[in-house]
Amino acid sequence: MFLARVVGEVVATVKHAALSSQRLLLVRPVNPAGAATGRTAIALDSVDAGTGDLVLVVDEGNGAAQVLRRSRGPVRTVIVGVVDAVDVGREETRPSGGGKRA
């Protein structure tokens, strides 16, 4: 699992049948302070995350299958949670960004 920031949406006119009703988002790995640490990836959204949200991502086929409650399929990377705050030691970091939170 890793922390990431949602940086965009993926629009596809044709998808694998198993993904036809699923939303795909672009996520960029970040460290607990929010600085980018890796390459942007495509992740299936299972929690209604929005652009700018700090999220927890699982990047492993079996974990993705368990989260989606289905047998293995064409998915490896899934957003499994929206992060409200990161507490490292005594410092707490609140994510900044957009999202659809009310």
C-alpha atoms as a PDB file:
ATOM      1  CA  MET A   1       0.000   0.000   0.000  1.00  0.00           C
ATOM      2  CA  PHE A   2       1.077   3.567  -0.542  1.00  0.00           C
ATOM      3  CA  LEU A   3      -0.118   7.138  -0.118  1.00  0.00           C
ATOM      4  CA  ALA A   4      -0.962   9.037  -3.292  1.00  0.00           C
ATOM      5  CA  ARG A   5      -2.564  12.228  -4.507  1.00  0.00           C
ATOM      6  CA  VAL A   6      -5.331  11.968  -7.125  1.00  0.00           C
ATOM      7  CA  VAL A   7      -4.098  14.102 -10.022  1.00  0.00           C
ATOM      8  CA  GLY A   8      -6.728  13.430 -12.677  1.00  0.00           C
ATOM      9  CA  GLU A   9      -9.349  11.191 -14.248  1.00  0.00           C
ATOM     10  CA  VAL A  10      -9.079   8.652 -17.040  1.00  0.00           C
ATOM     11  CA  VAL A  11     -11.654   8.788 -19.821  1.00  0.00           C
ATOM     12  CA  ALA A  12     -11.928   5.677 -21.984  1.00  0.00           C
ATOM     13  CA  THR A  13     -14.408   5.021 -24.757  1.00  0.00           C
ATOM     14  CA  VAL A  14     -13.636   1.292 -24.634  1.00  0.00           C
ATOM     15  CA  LYS A  15     -12.826  -0.624 -21.436  1.00  0.00           C
ATOM     16  CA  HIS A  16     -12.415  -4.235 -20.423  1.00  0.00           C
ATOM     17  CA  ALA A  17     -15.873  -5.663 -19.639  1.00  0.00           C
ATOM     18  CA  ALA A  18     -14.974  -6.037 -15.949  1.00  0.00           C
ATOM     19  CA  LEU A  19     -14.290  -2.284 -15.757  1.00  0.00           C
ATOM     20  CA  SER A  20     -17.300  -1.018 -17.693  1.00  0.00           C
ATOM     21  CA  SER A  21     -19.013   0.604 -14.704  1.00  0.00           C
ATOM     22  CA  GLN A  22     -15.847   1.487 -12.776  1.00  0.00           C
ATOM     23  CA  ARG A  23     -14.139   4.874 -12.489  1.00  0.00           C
ATOM     24  CA  LEU A  24     -10.413   5.132 -13.191  1.00  0.00           C
ATOM     25  CA  LEU A  25      -8.248   7.877 -11.668  1.00  0.00           C
ATOM     26  CA  LEU A  26      -4.642   8.991 -12.042  1.00  0.00           C
ATOM     27  CA  VAL A  27      -2.699   8.786  -8.766  1.00  0.00           C
ATOM     28  CA  ARG A  28       0.799  10.046  -7.948  1.00  0.00           C
ATOM     29  CA  PRO A  29       2.641   8.452  -4.988  1.00  0.00           C
ATOM     30  CA  VAL A  30       3.575  10.904  -2.217  1.00  0.00           C
ATOM     31  CA  ASN A  31       5.449  10.752   1.084  1.00  0.00           C
ATOM     32  CA  PRO A  32       3.680  11.535   4.397  1.00  0.00           C
ATOM     33  CA  ALA A  33       4.560  15.233   3.977  1.00  0.00           C
ATOM     34  CA  GLY A  34       2.803  15.258   0.600  1.00  0.00           C
ATOM     35  CA  ALA A  35       5.841  15.506  -1.694  1.00  0.00           C
ATOM     36  CA  ALA A  36       5.679  13.428  -4.891  1.00  0.00           C
ATOM     37  CA  THR A  37       7.843  10.304  -4.744  1.00  0.00           C
ATOM     38  CA  GLY A  38       6.988   8.201  -7.761  1.00  0.00           C
ATOM     39  CA  ARG A  39       5.409   7.881 -11.165  1.00  0.00           C
ATOM     40  CA  THR A  40       1.754   8.521 -11.916  1.00  0.00           C
ATOM     41  CA  ALA A  41      -0.387   5.374 -12.215  1.00  0.00           C
ATOM     42  CA  ILE A  42      -3.967   4.463 -13.112  1.00  0.00           C
ATOM     43  CA  ALA A  43      -6.055   3.168 -10.196  1.00  0.00           C
ATOM     44  CA  LEU A  44      -9.619   1.931  -9.921  1.00  0.00           C
ATOM     45  CA  ASP A  45     -11.663   4.150  -7.585  1.00  0.00           C
ATOM     46  CA  SER A  46     -13.560   2.136  -4.959  1.00  0.00           C
ATOM     47  CA  VAL A  47     -14.223   5.029  -2.529  1.00  0.00           C
ATOM     48  CA  ASP A  48     -15.483   7.958  -4.660  1.00  0.00           C
ATOM     49  CA  ALA A  49     -12.223   9.909  -4.411  1.00  0.00           C
ATOM     50  CA  GLY A  50     -11.785  13.183  -6.270  1.00  0.00           C
ATOM     51  CA  THR A  51      -8.997  15.140  -7.888  1.00  0.00           C
ATOM     52  CA  GLY A  52      -6.717  16.567  -5.200  1.00  0.00           C
ATOM     53  CA  ASP A  53      -7.632  13.984  -2.546  1.00  0.00           C
ATOM     54  CA  LEU A  54      -4.913  12.202  -0.581  1.00  0.00           C
ATOM     55  CA  VAL A  55      -5.668   8.482  -0.870  1.00  0.00           C
ATOM     56  CA  LEU A  56      -4.458   5.071   0.234  1.00  0.00           C
ATOM     57  CA  VAL A  57      -3.762   2.768  -2.699  1.00  0.00           C
ATOM     58  CA  VAL A  58      -3.294  -1.001  -2.805  1.00  0.00           C
ATOM     59  CA  ASP A  59      -1.048  -2.125  -5.664  1.00  0.00           C
ATOM     60  CA  GLU A  60      -1.198  -5.902  -5.685  1.00  0.00           C
ATOM     61  CA  GLY A  61      -3.526  -8.252  -7.577  1.00  0.00           C
ATOM     62  CA  ASN A  62      -4.771 -10.377  -4.672  1.00  0.00           C
ATOM     63  CA  GLY A  63      -5.385  -7.326  -2.480  1.00  0.00           C
ATOM     64  CA  ALA A  64      -7.313  -5.652  -5.305  1.00  0.00           C
ATOM     65  CA  ALA A  65      -9.437  -8.779  -5.789  1.00  0.00           C
ATOM     66  CA  GLN A  66     -10.270  -8.859  -2.065  1.00  0.00           C
ATOM     67  CA  VAL A  67     -11.248  -5.174  -1.972  1.00  0.00           C
ATOM     68  CA  LEU A  68     -13.453  -5.578  -5.049  1.00  0.00           C
ATOM     69  CA  ARG A  69     -14.876  -8.896  -3.779  1.00  0.00           C
ATOM     70  CA  ARG A  70     -14.289 -10.717  -7.035  1.00  0.00           C
ATOM     71  CA  SER A  71     -11.926 -13.277  -8.402  1.00  0.00           C
ATOM     72  CA  ARG A  72      -8.807 -12.081 -10.098  1.00  0.00           C
ATOM     73  CA  GLY A  73      -9.356  -9.792 -13.022  1.00  0.00           C
ATOM     74  CA  PRO A  74      -7.741  -7.003 -15.014  1.00  0.00           C
ATOM     75  CA  VAL A  75      -7.182  -4.856 -11.898  1.00  0.00           C
ATOM     76  CA  ARG A  76      -4.064  -4.524  -9.770  1.00  0.00           C
ATOM     77  CA  THR A  77      -4.168  -0.949  -8.433  1.00  0.00           C
ATOM     78  CA  VAL A  78      -7.186   0.178  -6.367  1.00  0.00           C
ATOM     79  CA  ILE A  79      -7.880   3.258  -4.241  1.00  0.00           C
ATOM     80  CA  VAL A  80      -9.072   1.848  -0.905  1.00  0.00           C
ATOM     81  CA  GLY A  81      -9.428   4.965   1.237  1.00  0.00           C
ATOM     82  CA  VAL A  82      -9.423   8.757   1.393  1.00  0.00           C
ATOM     83  CA  VAL A  83      -6.902   9.988   3.977  1.00  0.00           C
ATOM     84  CA  ASP A  84      -8.076  12.701   6.388  1.00  0.00           C
ATOM     85  CA  ALA A  85      -4.726  13.240   8.114  1.00  0.00           C
ATOM     86  CA  VAL A  86      -1.263  11.716   8.383  1.00  0.00           C
ATOM     87  CA  ASP A  87       0.259  11.557  11.867  1.00  0.00           C
ATOM     88  CA  VAL A  88       4.012  10.908  11.846  1.00  0.00           C
ATOM     89  CA  GLY A  89       5.412  10.998  15.350  1.00  0.00           C
ATOM     90  CA  ARG A  90       4.240  14.215  16.964  1.00  0.00           C
ATOM     91  CA  GLU A  91       3.474  16.094  13.766  1.00  0.00           C
ATOM     92  CA  GLU A  92       0.117  15.837  12.064  1.00  0.00           C
ATOM     93  CA  THR A  93      -0.246  16.670   8.402  1.00  0.00           C
ATOM     94  CA  ARG A  94      -3.651  17.473   6.937  1.00  0.00           C
ATOM     95  CA  PRO A  95      -3.943  17.011   3.194  1.00  0.00           C
ATOM     96  CA  SER A  96      -4.652  19.982   1.019  1.00  0.00           C
ATOM     97  CA  GLY A  97      -6.476  19.722  -2.262  1.00  0.00           C
ATOM     98  CA  GLY A  98      -9.842  19.545  -3.888  1.00  0.00           C
ATOM     99  CA  GLY A  99     -12.077  16.548  -3.720  1.00  0.00           C
ATOM    100  CA  LYS A 100     -15.790  16.202  -3.293  1.00  0.00           C
ATOM    101  CA  ARG A 101     -16.020  16.390   0.460  1.00  0.00           C
ATOM    102  CA  ALA A 102     -18.832  18.476   1.944  1.00  0.00           C
END
